[in-house]
Amino acid sequence: MRVATLLLALLAAGPLLAGEVPEHLKRAWPNTDFCRISVDVSEVFSGGPPKDGIPSITDPKMIPVASEVGLDPREPVMSVEAEGMPARAYPIRYLMWHEIVNDRIRDVPVAVTFCPLCNSGLVFDLRLPSIEGHMEIELGVSGLLRHSDMIMYDRQTESWWQQFTGEAIAGFMTGAKLTPIPALLESWEAFRTAHPNGVVMAEPEDHSRQYGINPYRGYDSGRPFLYRGENPPHGIAPLVRVVRVGDRAWPLSRLTETPQIEEAGFRITWAEGQASALDTEEIAQGREVGNIRVTDADTGDIVVHEVVFAFAFHAFTPDGIWMLGN
């Protein structure tokens, strides 16, 4: 679909200016329309690697669960289910180094995304509405951070997208928002037990990385990287994991004490068996963080959720509701 026909509402909205864009960003992103930007650019920092310095993956090779023999049972994977298709798993050992996997599920383009600095794992539908029905985008890693969260970009217009919110924050697409797809962050053992006929992403063949090694050793016991915002309220440490569902957050510590909680229309369960990907040098040896599942309390359907660091939830949801219990 032609970009010129895309998103009439965005075109009608006109410019959204939020401060002067530095010349170095304009030079690095000559195809990004900085007449449209919805965030304060002073919040944007280079994470170190340049554009595509962290290479996203497109059309990953998937193999049967039974053929995968290299993953440790406790290693985390992101998993997605689609009716009529084998469930799909994307190991964090690959997402740690690539951060975005562009794939197709039932002919729907999706992006499986993971920002290690926020422990934020989300899957997005990459279709956007247009006059002709919809257009598809493909995502890459910009190398930029905002509130320590990855800024993605689309290869069609080079607009910037905030990974935590799925919203376009600069460029032609500003104001558009990607639709999140329910997914789980679970252990390899949990996935292969539940889905013996599922498929799993194979090790990328075109890249040389230390897959299985955590390049952020000890990160989740330290401090957020390039974060200048407020700490979470209620004395919650910035790198405490919380279960985020919309504008609500449940500290993971509540679940380890009470493995099933039913509140606000959701049923949240915790079960041991998953290693932290951001603790020890070897991902498989990370300390226990457990497997989380969030379902609709009435229907039992998995709802969109993620297990993230508390500082990121507070930064992007400053008026969020903290579900602290009694």
C-alpha atoms as a PDB file:
ATOM      1  CA  MET A   1       0.000   0.000   0.000  1.00  0.00           C
ATOM      2  CA  ARG A   2       1.263   3.496  -0.815  1.00  0.00           C
ATOM      3  CA  VAL A   3       2.305   5.554   2.195  1.00  0.00           C
ATOM      4  CA  ALA A   4       0.638   8.596   0.596  1.00  0.00           C
ATOM      5  CA  THR A   5      -2.743   6.997   1.189  1.00  0.00           C
ATOM      6  CA  LEU A   6      -2.026   6.076   4.793  1.00  0.00           C
ATOM      7  CA  LEU A   7      -3.728   7.285   7.938  1.00  0.00           C
ATOM      8  CA  LEU A   8      -5.850  10.261   6.948  1.00  0.00           C
ATOM      9  CA  ALA A   9      -6.294  11.159  10.584  1.00  0.00           C
ATOM     10  CA  LEU A  10      -2.555  11.663  10.971  1.00  0.00           C
ATOM     11  CA  LEU A  11      -2.345  13.915   7.966  1.00  0.00           C
ATOM     12  CA  ALA A  12      -5.256  15.998   9.210  1.00  0.00           C
ATOM     13  CA  ALA A  13      -3.640  16.384  12.616  1.00  0.00           C
ATOM     14  CA  GLY A  14      -0.867  18.628  11.292  1.00  0.00           C
ATOM     15  CA  PRO A  15       2.534  19.196  12.930  1.00  0.00           C
ATOM     16  CA  LEU A  16       3.155  18.166  16.518  1.00  0.00           C
ATOM     17  CA  LEU A  17       6.226  20.062  17.633  1.00  0.00           C
ATOM     18  CA  ALA A  18       7.899  19.306  20.961  1.00  0.00           C
ATOM     19  CA  GLY A  19      11.155  21.221  21.044  1.00  0.00           C
ATOM     20  CA  GLU A  20      14.006  21.817  18.639  1.00  0.00           C
ATOM     21  CA  VAL A  21      15.445  18.664  17.097  1.00  0.00           C
ATOM     22  CA  PRO A  22      19.272  18.668  17.356  1.00  0.00           C
ATOM     23  CA  GLU A  23      21.186  18.810  14.088  1.00  0.00           C
ATOM     24  CA  HIS A  24      22.994  15.537  14.766  1.00  0.00           C
ATOM     25  CA  LEU A  25      19.642  13.723  14.829  1.00  0.00           C
ATOM     26  CA  LYS A  26      18.523  15.390  11.627  1.00  0.00           C
ATOM     27  CA  ARG A  27      21.756  14.339   9.940  1.00  0.00           C
ATOM     28  CA  ALA A  28      21.484  10.773  11.227  1.00  0.00           C
ATOM     29  CA  TRP A  29      17.813  10.535  10.237  1.00  0.00           C
ATOM     30  CA  PRO A  30      17.426  12.549   6.997  1.00  0.00           C
ATOM     31  CA  ASN A  31      14.294  10.616   5.979  1.00  0.00           C
ATOM     32  CA  THR A  32      12.438  11.198   9.249  1.00  0.00           C
ATOM     33  CA  ASP A  33       9.841  13.975   9.141  1.00  0.00           C
ATOM     34  CA  PHE A  34      10.721  15.918  12.285  1.00  0.00           C
ATOM     35  CA  CYS A  35       7.909  18.375  11.594  1.00  0.00           C
ATOM     36  CA  ARG A  36       5.851  15.750  13.385  1.00  0.00           C
ATOM     37  CA  ILE A  37       7.063  14.778  16.846  1.00  0.00           C
ATOM     38  CA  SER A  38       5.097  14.214  20.037  1.00  0.00           C
ATOM     39  CA  VAL A  39       7.781  13.898  22.722  1.00  0.00           C
ATOM     40  CA  ASP A  40      10.432  16.106  24.243  1.00  0.00           C
ATOM     41  CA  VAL A  41      13.578  15.307  22.265  1.00  0.00           C
ATOM     42  CA  SER A  42      15.702  16.101  25.315  1.00  0.00           C
ATOM     43  CA  GLU A  43      14.486  12.737  26.654  1.00  0.00           C
ATOM     44  CA  VAL A  44      16.085  10.883  23.721  1.00  0.00           C
ATOM     45  CA  PHE A  45      19.612   9.492  24.182  1.00  0.00           C
ATOM     46  CA  SER A  46      21.933   7.369  22.096  1.00  0.00           C
ATOM     47  CA  GLY A  47      22.221   3.914  23.582  1.00  0.00           C
ATOM     48  CA  GLY A  48      25.640   3.464  21.957  1.00  0.00           C
ATOM     49  CA  PRO A  49      25.020   1.422  18.783  1.00  0.00           C
ATOM     50  CA  PRO A  50      23.991   3.381  15.675  1.00  0.00           C
ATOM     51  CA  LYS A  51      20.901   2.760  13.569  1.00  0.00           C
ATOM     52  CA  ASP A  52      20.764  -0.995  12.846  1.00  0.00           C
ATOM     53  CA  GLY A  53      23.893  -1.477  14.952  1.00  0.00           C
ATOM     54  CA  ILE A  54      21.660  -3.977  16.745  1.00  0.00           C
ATOM     55  CA  PRO A  55      20.341  -5.894  13.716  1.00  0.00           C
ATOM     56  CA  SER A  56      16.698  -6.913  13.804  1.00  0.00           C
ATOM     57  CA  ILE A  57      15.719 -10.281  12.312  1.00  0.00           C
ATOM     58  CA  THR A  58      13.176 -10.704   9.517  1.00  0.00           C
ATOM     59  CA  ASP A  59      11.533 -14.006   8.524  1.00  0.00           C
ATOM     60  CA  PRO A  60      13.226 -16.156  11.174  1.00  0.00           C
ATOM     61  CA  LYS A  61      13.754 -19.844  10.571  1.00  0.00           C
ATOM     62  CA  MET A  62      11.413 -21.881  12.780  1.00  0.00           C
ATOM     63  CA  ILE A  63      12.061 -25.505  13.727  1.00  0.00           C
ATOM     64  CA  PRO A  64       9.966 -28.147  15.547  1.00  0.00           C
ATOM     65  CA  VAL A  65      10.196 -28.147  19.333  1.00  0.00           C
ATOM     66  CA  ALA A  66      11.577 -31.689  19.240  1.00  0.00           C
ATOM     67  CA  SER A  67      14.497 -30.536  17.051  1.00  0.00           C
ATOM     68  CA  GLU A  68      15.718 -27.893  19.516  1.00  0.00           C
ATOM     69  CA  VAL A  69      18.335 -29.411  21.814  1.00  0.00           C
ATOM     70  CA  GLY A  70      20.456 -26.368  22.712  1.00  0.00           C
ATOM     71  CA  LEU A  71      18.146 -24.458  25.045  1.00  0.00           C
ATOM     72  CA  ASP A  72      18.287 -24.915  28.810  1.00  0.00           C
ATOM     73  CA  PRO A  73      14.909 -25.759  30.403  1.00  0.00           C
ATOM     74  CA  ARG A  74      14.999 -22.548  32.504  1.00  0.00           C
ATOM     75  CA  GLU A  75      15.848 -20.172  29.653  1.00  0.00           C
ATOM     76  CA  PRO A  76      13.121 -17.594  28.932  1.00  0.00           C
ATOM     77  CA  VAL A  77      11.293 -17.474  25.618  1.00  0.00           C
ATOM     78  CA  MET A  78       8.535 -15.248  24.332  1.00  0.00           C
ATOM     79  CA  SER A  79       5.644 -17.323  23.031  1.00  0.00           C
ATOM     80  CA  VAL A  80       2.629 -16.595  20.868  1.00  0.00           C
ATOM     81  CA  GLU A  81      -0.391 -18.759  20.094  1.00  0.00           C
ATOM     82  CA  ALA A  82      -2.637 -18.452  17.040  1.00  0.00           C
ATOM     83  CA  GLU A  83      -5.723 -20.528  16.392  1.00  0.00           C
ATOM     84  CA  GLY A  84      -5.111 -23.294  13.901  1.00  0.00           C
ATOM     85  CA  MET A  85      -1.321 -22.939  13.978  1.00  0.00           C
ATOM     86  CA  PRO A  86       1.466 -24.408  16.126  1.00  0.00           C
ATOM     87  CA  ALA A  87       2.450 -22.124  19.003  1.00  0.00           C
ATOM     88  CA  ARG A  88       5.679 -20.186  18.347  1.00  0.00           C
ATOM     89  CA  ALA A  89       8.562 -19.508  20.726  1.00  0.00           C
ATOM     90  CA  TYR A  90      11.284 -16.872  20.372  1.00  0.00           C
ATOM     91  CA  PRO A  91      14.215 -17.449  22.763  1.00  0.00           C
ATOM     92  CA  ILE A  92      15.387 -14.433  24.731  1.00  0.00           C
ATOM     93  CA  ARG A  93      18.984 -15.562  24.017  1.00  0.00           C
ATOM     94  CA  TYR A  94      18.382 -14.287  20.456  1.00  0.00           C
ATOM     95  CA  LEU A  95      16.198 -11.304  21.301  1.00  0.00           C
ATOM     96  CA  MET A  96      18.865 -10.120  23.740  1.00  0.00           C
ATOM     97  CA  TRP A  97      21.149  -9.459  20.754  1.00  0.00           C
ATOM     98  CA  HIS A  98      18.578  -8.525  18.080  1.00  0.00           C
ATOM     99  CA  GLU A  99      15.693  -6.972  20.100  1.00  0.00           C
ATOM    100  CA  ILE A 100      13.189  -7.198  17.217  1.00  0.00           C
ATOM    101  CA  VAL A 101      12.052 -10.192  15.163  1.00  0.00           C
ATOM    102  CA  ASN A 102       9.766  -9.421  12.205  1.00  0.00           C
ATOM    103  CA  ASP A 103       7.680 -12.514  11.462  1.00  0.00           C
ATOM    104  CA  ARG A 104       4.320 -13.586  10.040  1.00  0.00           C
ATOM    105  CA  ILE A 105       1.663 -15.537  11.939  1.00  0.00           C
ATOM    106  CA  ARG A 106      -1.322 -16.727   9.901  1.00  0.00           C
ATOM    107  CA  ASP A 107      -0.199 -14.217   7.247  1.00  0.00           C
ATOM    108  CA  VAL A 108      -0.346 -11.404   9.811  1.00  0.00           C
ATOM    109  CA  PRO A 109       2.908  -9.418  10.036  1.00  0.00           C
ATOM    110  CA  VAL A 110       4.101  -9.197  13.628  1.00  0.00           C
ATOM    111  CA  ALA A 111       7.088  -7.858  15.529  1.00  0.00           C
ATOM    112  CA  VAL A 112       8.351  -9.737  18.562  1.00  0.00           C
ATOM    113  CA  THR A 113      10.203  -7.114  20.602  1.00  0.00           C
ATOM    114  CA  PHE A 114      12.358  -7.218  23.722  1.00  0.00           C
ATOM    115  CA  CYS A 115      14.109  -4.275  25.370  1.00  0.00           C
ATOM    116  CA  PRO A 116      16.674  -5.697  27.827  1.00  0.00           C
ATOM    117  CA  LEU A 117      17.098  -2.384  29.662  1.00  0.00           C
ATOM    118  CA  CYS A 118      13.420  -2.413  30.682  1.00  0.00           C
ATOM    119  CA  ASN A 119      12.879  -6.195  30.558  1.00  0.00           C
ATOM    120  CA  SER A 120       9.993  -5.219  28.286  1.00  0.00           C
ATOM    121  CA  GLY A 121       8.731  -7.948  25.952  1.00  0.00           C
ATOM    122  CA  LEU A 122       5.803  -7.175  23.635  1.00  0.00           C
ATOM    123  CA  VAL A 123       4.437  -8.547  20.359  1.00  0.00           C
ATOM    124  CA  PHE A 124       2.777  -6.144  17.911  1.00  0.00           C
ATOM    125  CA  ASP A 125       0.549  -6.486  14.852  1.00  0.00           C
ATOM    126  CA  LEU A 126       2.370  -4.545  12.120  1.00  0.00           C
ATOM    127  CA  ARG A 127      -0.716  -3.652  10.094  1.00  0.00           C
ATOM    128  CA  LEU A 128      -1.873  -0.024  10.110  1.00  0.00           C
ATOM    129  CA  PRO A 129      -5.143   1.321   8.675  1.00  0.00           C
ATOM    130  CA  SER A 130      -5.129   3.111   5.335  1.00  0.00           C
ATOM    131  CA  ILE A 131      -7.640   4.157   2.692  1.00  0.00           C
ATOM    132  CA  GLU A 132      -7.055   0.886   0.882  1.00  0.00           C
ATOM    133  CA  GLY A 133      -7.545  -1.265   3.976  1.00  0.00           C
ATOM    134  CA  HIS A 134      -4.158  -1.460   5.640  1.00  0.00           C
ATOM    135  CA  MET A 135      -0.450  -1.142   5.060  1.00  0.00           C
ATOM    136  CA  GLU A 136       2.308  -3.181   6.624  1.00  0.00           C
ATOM    137  CA  ILE A 137       5.483  -1.919   8.216  1.00  0.00           C
ATOM    138  CA  GLU A 138       8.730  -3.590   9.204  1.00  0.00           C
ATOM    139  CA  LEU A 139      10.670  -2.530  12.289  1.00  0.00           C
ATOM    140  CA  GLY A 140      14.348  -1.992  12.983  1.00  0.00           C
ATOM    141  CA  VAL A 141      16.394  -0.901  16.004  1.00  0.00           C
ATOM    142  CA  SER A 142      17.222   2.826  15.986  1.00  0.00           C
ATOM    143  CA  GLY A 143      19.970   2.705  18.619  1.00  0.00           C
ATOM    144  CA  LEU A 144      18.118   5.437  20.512  1.00  0.00           C
ATOM    145  CA  LEU A 145      16.561   5.257  23.969  1.00  0.00           C
ATOM    146  CA  ARG A 146      13.847   7.187  25.769  1.00  0.00           C
ATOM    147  CA  HIS A 147      13.386   6.500  29.483  1.00  0.00           C
ATOM    148  CA  SER A 148      15.901   3.686  28.888  1.00  0.00           C
ATOM    149  CA  ASP A 149      13.436   2.007  26.519  1.00  0.00           C
ATOM    150  CA  MET A 150      14.228   1.094  22.932  1.00  0.00           C
ATOM    151  CA  ILE A 151      13.051   3.405  20.177  1.00  0.00           C
ATOM    152  CA  MET A 152      12.199   1.333  17.115  1.00  0.00           C
ATOM    153  CA  TYR A 153      11.822   2.704  13.593  1.00  0.00           C
ATOM    154  CA  ASP A 154       9.852   1.562  10.570  1.00  0.00           C
ATOM    155  CA  ARG A 155      11.659   0.982   7.294  1.00  0.00           C
ATOM    156  CA  GLN A 156       8.802   2.468   5.239  1.00  0.00           C
ATOM    157  CA  THR A 157       8.847   6.054   6.596  1.00  0.00           C
ATOM    158  CA  GLU A 158      11.673   5.964   9.179  1.00  0.00           C
ATOM    159  CA  SER A 159       9.277   7.137  11.855  1.00  0.00           C
ATOM    160  CA  TRP A 160      10.278   6.395  15.458  1.00  0.00           C
ATOM    161  CA  TRP A 161       8.198   4.038  17.592  1.00  0.00           C
ATOM    162  CA  GLN A 162       8.368   3.671  21.386  1.00  0.00           C
ATOM    163  CA  GLN A 163       8.676  -0.016  22.205  1.00  0.00           C
ATOM    164  CA  PHE A 164       6.997   0.210  25.634  1.00  0.00           C
ATOM    165  CA  THR A 165       3.847   1.858  24.297  1.00  0.00           C
ATOM    166  CA  GLY A 166       3.825   0.792  20.638  1.00  0.00           C
ATOM    167  CA  GLU A 167       3.204   4.419  19.677  1.00  0.00           C
ATOM    168  CA  ALA A 168       4.903   6.420  16.923  1.00  0.00           C
ATOM    169  CA  ILE A 169       6.596   9.417  18.543  1.00  0.00           C
ATOM    170  CA  ALA A 170       8.400  11.098  15.621  1.00  0.00           C
ATOM    171  CA  GLY A 171       8.047  11.199  11.852  1.00  0.00           C
ATOM    172  CA  PHE A 172       5.187  10.774   9.420  1.00  0.00           C
ATOM    173  CA  MET A 173       3.494   8.096  11.565  1.00  0.00           C
ATOM    174  CA  THR A 174       3.435  10.204  14.761  1.00  0.00           C
ATOM    175  CA  GLY A 175       0.305   9.446  16.745  1.00  0.00           C
ATOM    176  CA  ALA A 176      -0.289   6.023  15.201  1.00  0.00           C
ATOM    177  CA  LYS A 177      -0.278   3.073  17.576  1.00  0.00           C
ATOM    178  CA  LEU A 178       0.462  -0.581  16.999  1.00  0.00           C
ATOM    179  CA  THR A 179      -1.943  -3.214  18.309  1.00  0.00           C
ATOM    180  CA  PRO A 180      -0.343  -5.501  20.914  1.00  0.00           C
ATOM    181  CA  ILE A 181      -0.895  -9.256  20.675  1.00  0.00           C
ATOM    182  CA  PRO A 182      -1.185 -11.452  23.800  1.00  0.00           C
ATOM    183  CA  ALA A 183       2.090 -13.247  24.452  1.00  0.00           C
ATOM    184  CA  LEU A 184       3.892 -14.968  27.310  1.00  0.00           C
ATOM    185  CA  LEU A 185       7.391 -14.663  28.712  1.00  0.00           C
ATOM    186  CA  GLU A 186       7.919 -18.212  29.948  1.00  0.00           C
ATOM    187  CA  SER A 187      10.614 -20.822  30.344  1.00  0.00           C
ATOM    188  CA  TRP A 188      11.589 -23.120  27.497  1.00  0.00           C
ATOM    189  CA  GLU A 189      10.491 -26.060  29.642  1.00  0.00           C
ATOM    190  CA  ALA A 190       7.040 -24.540  30.209  1.00  0.00           C
ATOM    191  CA  PHE A 191       6.607 -23.872  26.493  1.00  0.00           C
ATOM    192  CA  ARG A 192       7.727 -27.259  25.211  1.00  0.00           C
ATOM    193  CA  THR A 193       5.640 -29.071  27.827  1.00  0.00           C
ATOM    194  CA  ALA A 194       2.504 -27.134  26.873  1.00  0.00           C
ATOM    195  CA  HIS A 195       3.219 -27.228  23.118  1.00  0.00           C
ATOM    196  CA  PRO A 196       5.095 -30.410  22.119  1.00  0.00           C
ATOM    197  CA  ASN A 197       3.984 -29.805  18.527  1.00  0.00           C
ATOM    198  CA  GLY A 198       5.000 -26.153  18.571  1.00  0.00           C
ATOM    199  CA  VAL A 199       7.851 -24.467  16.746  1.00  0.00           C
ATOM    200  CA  VAL A 200      10.778 -22.400  17.988  1.00  0.00           C
ATOM    201  CA  MET A 201      13.032 -19.834  16.370  1.00  0.00           C
ATOM    202  CA  ALA A 202      16.325 -21.387  15.301  1.00  0.00           C
ATOM    203  CA  GLU A 203      19.686 -19.723  15.927  1.00  0.00           C
ATOM    204  CA  PRO A 204      20.211 -16.949  13.362  1.00  0.00           C
ATOM    205  CA  GLU A 205      22.705 -18.094  10.717  1.00  0.00           C
ATOM    206  CA  ASP A 206      23.780 -14.715   9.343  1.00  0.00           C
ATOM    207  CA  HIS A 207      25.038 -13.202  12.593  1.00  0.00           C
ATOM    208  CA  SER A 208      27.876 -14.045  14.948  1.00  0.00           C
ATOM    209  CA  ARG A 209      26.793 -13.403  18.531  1.00  0.00           C
ATOM    210  CA  GLN A 210      27.388 -15.031  21.905  1.00  0.00           C
ATOM    211  CA  TYR A 211      23.898 -16.472  22.075  1.00  0.00           C
ATOM    212  CA  GLY A 212      23.116 -17.707  25.567  1.00  0.00           C
ATOM    213  CA  ILE A 213      25.391 -15.070  27.140  1.00  0.00           C
ATOM    214  CA  ASN A 214      23.918 -12.047  28.897  1.00  0.00           C
ATOM    215  CA  PRO A 215      25.826  -8.916  27.766  1.00  0.00           C
ATOM    216  CA  TYR A 216      24.212  -6.994  30.648  1.00  0.00           C
ATOM    217  CA  ARG A 217      25.628  -9.131  33.450  1.00  0.00           C
ATOM    218  CA  GLY A 218      24.230  -8.128  36.840  1.00  0.00           C
ATOM    219  CA  TYR A 219      22.025  -5.448  35.304  1.00  0.00           C
ATOM    220  CA  ASP A 220      18.862  -6.286  37.213  1.00  0.00           C
ATOM    221  CA  SER A 221      20.752  -5.851  40.497  1.00  0.00           C
ATOM    222  CA  GLY A 222      22.154  -2.451  39.559  1.00  0.00           C
ATOM    223  CA  ARG A 223      20.713   0.793  38.208  1.00  0.00           C
ATOM    224  CA  PRO A 224      18.721   1.638  35.057  1.00  0.00           C
ATOM    225  CA  PHE A 225      20.905   2.667  32.113  1.00  0.00           C
ATOM    226  CA  LEU A 226      20.540   6.266  30.855  1.00  0.00           C
ATOM    227  CA  TYR A 227      17.397   6.824  32.909  1.00  0.00           C
ATOM    228  CA  ARG A 228      16.861  10.376  34.172  1.00  0.00           C
ATOM    229  CA  GLY A 229      13.290  10.103  35.410  1.00  0.00           C
ATOM    230  CA  GLU A 230      11.730   9.709  38.823  1.00  0.00           C
ATOM    231  CA  ASN A 231      11.975   6.533  40.835  1.00  0.00           C
ATOM    232  CA  PRO A 232       8.764   4.581  41.368  1.00  0.00           C
ATOM    233  CA  PRO A 233       6.554   5.579  44.321  1.00  0.00           C
ATOM    234  CA  HIS A 234       5.853   3.602  47.506  1.00  0.00           C
ATOM    235  CA  GLY A 235       9.549   2.903  48.051  1.00  0.00           C
ATOM    236  CA  ILE A 236       9.641   0.423  45.169  1.00  0.00           C
ATOM    237  CA  ALA A 237      13.156  -0.064  43.826  1.00  0.00           C
ATOM    238  CA  PRO A 238      13.603   0.893  40.146  1.00  0.00           C
ATOM    239  CA  LEU A 239      14.625  -2.599  38.996  1.00  0.00           C
ATOM    240  CA  VAL A 240      11.958  -4.524  40.853  1.00  0.00           C
ATOM    241  CA  ARG A 241       9.949  -6.610  38.397  1.00  0.00           C
ATOM    242  CA  VAL A 242       6.247  -5.853  38.143  1.00  0.00           C
ATOM    243  CA  VAL A 243       3.446  -7.499  36.188  1.00  0.00           C
ATOM    244  CA  ARG A 244       2.009  -4.794  33.959  1.00  0.00           C
ATOM    245  CA  VAL A 245      -1.516  -5.009  32.581  1.00  0.00           C
ATOM    246  CA  GLY A 246      -2.546  -1.721  30.974  1.00  0.00           C
ATOM    247  CA  ASP A 247      -2.225   1.019  33.589  1.00  0.00           C
ATOM    248  CA  ARG A 248      -1.896  -1.394  36.521  1.00  0.00           C
ATOM    249  CA  ALA A 249       1.208  -2.998  38.009  1.00  0.00           C
ATOM    250  CA  TRP A 250       1.532  -5.873  40.483  1.00  0.00           C
ATOM    251  CA  PRO A 251       4.964  -6.289  42.175  1.00  0.00           C
ATOM    252  CA  LEU A 252       6.321  -9.737  41.400  1.00  0.00           C
ATOM    253  CA  SER A 253       7.001 -10.212  45.115  1.00  0.00           C
ATOM    254  CA  ARG A 254       3.241 -10.446  45.708  1.00  0.00           C
ATOM    255  CA  LEU A 255       3.039 -13.389  43.326  1.00  0.00           C
ATOM    256  CA  THR A 256       5.945 -15.262  44.856  1.00  0.00           C
ATOM    257  CA  GLU A 257       4.135 -15.047  48.197  1.00  0.00           C
ATOM    258  CA  THR A 258       0.647 -15.707  46.783  1.00  0.00           C
ATOM    259  CA  PRO A 259       1.035 -17.652  43.500  1.00  0.00           C
ATOM    260  CA  GLN A 260      -2.479 -16.775  42.307  1.00  0.00           C
ATOM    261  CA  ILE A 261      -4.127 -13.376  42.567  1.00  0.00           C
ATOM    262  CA  GLU A 262      -7.511 -12.411  41.160  1.00  0.00           C
ATOM    263  CA  GLU A 263      -8.032  -8.647  41.004  1.00  0.00           C
ATOM    264  CA  ALA A 264      -9.422  -6.004  38.639  1.00  0.00           C
ATOM    265  CA  GLY A 265     -10.961  -8.718  36.443  1.00  0.00           C
ATOM    266  CA  PHE A 266      -7.659 -10.561  35.913  1.00  0.00           C
ATOM    267  CA  ARG A 267      -6.279 -13.846  37.200  1.00  0.00           C
ATOM    268  CA  ILE A 268      -2.493 -13.718  37.628  1.00  0.00           C
ATOM    269  CA  THR A 269      -0.542 -16.894  38.371  1.00  0.00           C
ATOM    270  CA  TRP A 270       3.114 -17.537  39.182  1.00  0.00           C
ATOM    271  CA  ALA A 271       5.044 -20.798  38.918  1.00  0.00           C
ATOM    272  CA  GLU A 272       8.747 -21.378  39.402  1.00  0.00           C
ATOM    273  CA  GLY A 273      11.057 -22.499  36.633  1.00  0.00           C
ATOM    274  CA  GLN A 274      12.307 -19.419  34.715  1.00  0.00           C
ATOM    275  CA  ALA A 275      15.739 -17.804  34.991  1.00  0.00           C
ATOM    276  CA  SER A 276      16.321 -14.065  34.925  1.00  0.00           C
ATOM    277  CA  ALA A 277      17.914 -13.176  31.588  1.00  0.00           C
ATOM    278  CA  LEU A 278      19.659 -10.154  33.104  1.00  0.00           C
ATOM    279  CA  ASP A 279      21.429 -11.633  36.114  1.00  0.00           C
ATOM    280  CA  THR A 280      24.404 -13.949  35.574  1.00  0.00           C
ATOM    281  CA  GLU A 281      26.685 -14.145  32.539  1.00  0.00           C
ATOM    282  CA  GLU A 282      24.972 -17.321  31.348  1.00  0.00           C
ATOM    283  CA  ILE A 283      21.271 -16.682  30.911  1.00  0.00           C
ATOM    284  CA  ALA A 284      20.384 -20.234  31.935  1.00  0.00           C
ATOM    285  CA  GLN A 285      22.052 -19.743  35.340  1.00  0.00           C
ATOM    286  CA  GLY A 286      20.109 -16.613  36.293  1.00  0.00           C
ATOM    287  CA  ARG A 287      18.225 -16.439  39.553  1.00  0.00           C
ATOM    288  CA  GLU A 288      14.642 -17.623  39.740  1.00  0.00           C
ATOM    289  CA  VAL A 289      11.967 -15.167  38.576  1.00  0.00           C
ATOM    290  CA  GLY A 290       9.220 -17.649  37.698  1.00  0.00           C
ATOM    291  CA  ASN A 291       6.610 -17.915  34.975  1.00  0.00           C
ATOM    292  CA  ILE A 292       3.726 -15.453  34.906  1.00  0.00           C
ATOM    293  CA  ARG A 293       0.393 -15.934  33.158  1.00  0.00           C
ATOM    294  CA  VAL A 294      -2.381 -13.305  33.119  1.00  0.00           C
ATOM    295  CA  THR A 295      -5.842 -14.283  31.953  1.00  0.00           C
ATOM    296  CA  ASP A 296      -9.294 -12.758  31.887  1.00  0.00           C
ATOM    297  CA  ALA A 297     -10.899 -13.913  35.124  1.00  0.00           C
ATOM    298  CA  ASP A 298     -14.192 -14.693  33.341  1.00  0.00           C
ATOM    299  CA  THR A 299     -13.110 -16.192  30.022  1.00  0.00           C
ATOM    300  CA  GLY A 300      -9.689 -17.594  30.848  1.00  0.00           C
ATOM    301  CA  ASP A 301      -8.197 -15.990  27.725  1.00  0.00           C
ATOM    302  CA  ILE A 302      -4.624 -14.702  27.914  1.00  0.00           C
ATOM    303  CA  VAL A 303      -4.582 -10.900  28.005  1.00  0.00           C
ATOM    304  CA  VAL A 304      -1.823  -8.530  26.920  1.00  0.00           C
ATOM    305  CA  HIS A 305       0.666  -8.178  29.750  1.00  0.00           C
ATOM    306  CA  GLU A 306       4.384  -8.131  30.436  1.00  0.00           C
ATOM    307  CA  VAL A 307       6.832  -8.458  33.313  1.00  0.00           C
ATOM    308  CA  VAL A 308       8.867  -5.237  33.360  1.00  0.00           C
ATOM    309  CA  PHE A 309      11.050  -3.180  35.629  1.00  0.00           C
ATOM    310  CA  ALA A 310       9.174  -0.813  37.930  1.00  0.00           C
ATOM    311  CA  PHE A 311      11.001   2.320  36.731  1.00  0.00           C
ATOM    312  CA  ALA A 312       9.782   1.784  33.158  1.00  0.00           C
ATOM    313  CA  PHE A 313       6.174   1.330  34.217  1.00  0.00           C
ATOM    314  CA  HIS A 314       6.360   4.558  36.230  1.00  0.00           C
ATOM    315  CA  ALA A 315       8.107   6.495  33.451  1.00  0.00           C
ATOM    316  CA  PHE A 316       5.502   5.644  30.816  1.00  0.00           C
ATOM    317  CA  THR A 317       2.500   5.379  33.174  1.00  0.00           C
ATOM    318  CA  PRO A 318       3.091   8.125  35.762  1.00  0.00           C
ATOM    319  CA  ASP A 319      -0.539   7.982  36.882  1.00  0.00           C
ATOM    320  CA  GLY A 320      -0.565   4.201  36.886  1.00  0.00           C
ATOM    321  CA  ILE A 321      -2.215   2.118  39.586  1.00  0.00           C
ATOM    322  CA  TRP A 322       0.094   0.144  41.847  1.00  0.00           C
ATOM    323  CA  MET A 323      -1.590  -3.057  43.036  1.00  0.00           C
ATOM    324  CA  LEU A 324       0.216  -3.462  46.329  1.00  0.00           C
ATOM    325  CA  GLY A 325      -2.351  -5.553  48.212  1.00  0.00           C
ATOM    326  CA  ASN A 326      -3.154  -5.059  51.853  1.00  0.00           C
END
